[in-house]
């Protein structure tokens, strides 16, 4: 397969980005992002997980405040 230097550079950068993201996440997150094809998809999935966690934390804080 013959690819242009620009496409090769993009491919290598994408590979490196995916590697860096995957080495910095735990197993519970990895199982969610395992099916993602690009670093952008992985990043967006992690952002959604983090937002969901923040909502849960906020809900827990409100419950504690209301019952405590």
C-alpha atoms as a PDB file:
ATOM      1  CA  UNK A   1       0.000   0.000   0.000  1.00  0.00           C
ATOM      2  CA  UNK A   2       1.366   3.379  -1.015  1.00  0.00           C
ATOM      3  CA  UNK A   3       0.253   6.344   1.101  1.00  0.00           C
ATOM      4  CA  UNK A   4       1.289   9.969   0.929  1.00  0.00           C
ATOM      5  CA  UNK A   5       3.639  11.380   3.576  1.00  0.00           C
ATOM      6  CA  UNK A   6       0.781  13.563   4.874  1.00  0.00           C
ATOM      7  CA  UNK A   7      -1.552  10.592   5.257  1.00  0.00           C
ATOM      8  CA  UNK A   8       1.204   8.565   6.895  1.00  0.00           C
ATOM      9  CA  UNK A   9       1.883  11.380   9.372  1.00  0.00           C
ATOM     10  CA  UNK A  10      -1.836  11.623  10.178  1.00  0.00           C
ATOM     11  CA  UNK A  11      -2.068   7.850  10.659  1.00  0.00           C
ATOM     12  CA  UNK A  12       0.962   7.824  12.964  1.00  0.00           C
ATOM     13  CA  UNK A  13      -0.383  10.762  14.991  1.00  0.00           C
ATOM     14  CA  UNK A  14      -3.768   9.035  15.353  1.00  0.00           C
ATOM     15  CA  UNK A  15      -2.055   5.827  16.499  1.00  0.00           C
ATOM     16  CA  UNK A  16      -0.007   7.745  19.074  1.00  0.00           C
ATOM     17  CA  UNK A  17      -3.060   9.648  20.363  1.00  0.00           C
ATOM     18  CA  UNK A  18      -5.010   6.416  20.833  1.00  0.00           C
ATOM     19  CA  UNK A  19      -2.056   4.813  22.612  1.00  0.00           C
ATOM     20  CA  UNK A  20      -1.656   7.764  24.992  1.00  0.00           C
ATOM     21  CA  UNK A  21      -5.350   7.849  25.844  1.00  0.00           C
ATOM     22  CA  UNK A  22      -5.589   4.092  26.410  1.00  0.00           C
ATOM     23  CA  UNK A  23      -2.542   3.982  28.683  1.00  0.00           C
ATOM     24  CA  UNK A  24      -4.038   6.692  30.891  1.00  0.00           C
ATOM     25  CA  UNK A  25      -7.449   5.156  31.573  1.00  0.00           C
ATOM     26  CA  UNK A  26      -8.655   2.424  33.887  1.00  0.00           C
ATOM     27  CA  UNK A  27     -10.300  -0.869  32.991  1.00  0.00           C
ATOM     28  CA  UNK A  28     -13.801   0.424  33.716  1.00  0.00           C
ATOM     29  CA  UNK A  29     -13.373   3.179  31.122  1.00  0.00           C
ATOM     30  CA  UNK A  30     -11.513   0.948  28.659  1.00  0.00           C
ATOM     31  CA  UNK A  31     -14.464  -1.416  28.421  1.00  0.00           C
ATOM     32  CA  UNK A  32     -16.607   1.533  27.310  1.00  0.00           C
ATOM     33  CA  UNK A  33     -14.206   2.927  24.699  1.00  0.00           C
ATOM     34  CA  UNK A  34     -12.949  -0.405  23.350  1.00  0.00           C
ATOM     35  CA  UNK A  35     -15.213  -0.239  20.279  1.00  0.00           C
ATOM     36  CA  UNK A  36     -14.212   3.322  19.337  1.00  0.00           C
ATOM     37  CA  UNK A  37     -12.306   3.620  16.070  1.00  0.00           C
ATOM     38  CA  UNK A  38     -10.609   7.020  16.427  1.00  0.00           C
ATOM     39  CA  UNK A  39      -8.972   9.039  19.175  1.00  0.00           C
ATOM     40  CA  UNK A  40     -11.770  11.612  18.790  1.00  0.00           C
ATOM     41  CA  UNK A  41     -14.433   8.948  19.436  1.00  0.00           C
ATOM     42  CA  UNK A  42     -12.505   7.719  22.484  1.00  0.00           C
ATOM     43  CA  UNK A  43     -12.133  11.257  23.849  1.00  0.00           C
ATOM     44  CA  UNK A  44     -15.837  12.027  23.374  1.00  0.00           C
ATOM     45  CA  UNK A  45     -16.843   8.767  25.091  1.00  0.00           C
ATOM     46  CA  UNK A  46     -14.595   9.585  28.060  1.00  0.00           C
ATOM     47  CA  UNK A  47     -16.081  13.094  28.248  1.00  0.00           C
ATOM     48  CA  UNK A  48     -19.607  11.623  28.342  1.00  0.00           C
ATOM     49  CA  UNK A  49     -18.578   9.237  31.133  1.00  0.00           C
ATOM     50  CA  UNK A  50     -17.055  12.074  33.139  1.00  0.00           C
ATOM     51  CA  UNK A  51     -20.148  14.253  32.695  1.00  0.00           C
ATOM     52  CA  UNK A  52     -22.360  11.385  33.865  1.00  0.00           C
ATOM     53  CA  UNK A  53     -20.138  10.916  36.920  1.00  0.00           C
ATOM     54  CA  UNK A  54     -20.324  14.624  37.741  1.00  0.00           C
ATOM     55  CA  UNK A  55     -24.128  14.538  37.551  1.00  0.00           C
ATOM     56  CA  UNK A  56     -24.133  11.530  39.895  1.00  0.00           C
ATOM     57  CA  UNK A  57     -21.815  13.301  42.351  1.00  0.00           C
ATOM     58  CA  UNK A  58     -23.995  16.429  42.275  1.00  0.00           C
ATOM     59  CA  UNK A  59     -27.125  14.331  42.829  1.00  0.00           C
ATOM     60  CA  UNK A  60     -25.460  12.534  45.758  1.00  0.00           C
ATOM     61  CA  UNK A  61     -24.415  15.867  47.295  1.00  0.00           C
ATOM     62  CA  UNK A  62     -27.949  17.230  47.040  1.00  0.00           C
ATOM     63  CA  UNK A  63     -29.389  14.095  48.653  1.00  0.00           C
ATOM     64  CA  UNK A  64     -26.877  14.319  51.507  1.00  0.00           C
ATOM     65  CA  UNK A  65     -27.653  17.998  52.043  1.00  0.00           C
ATOM     66  CA  UNK A  66     -31.403  17.403  52.035  1.00  0.00           C
ATOM     67  CA  UNK A  67     -31.297  14.420  54.416  1.00  0.00           C
ATOM     68  CA  UNK A  68     -28.445  15.607  56.617  1.00  0.00           C
END
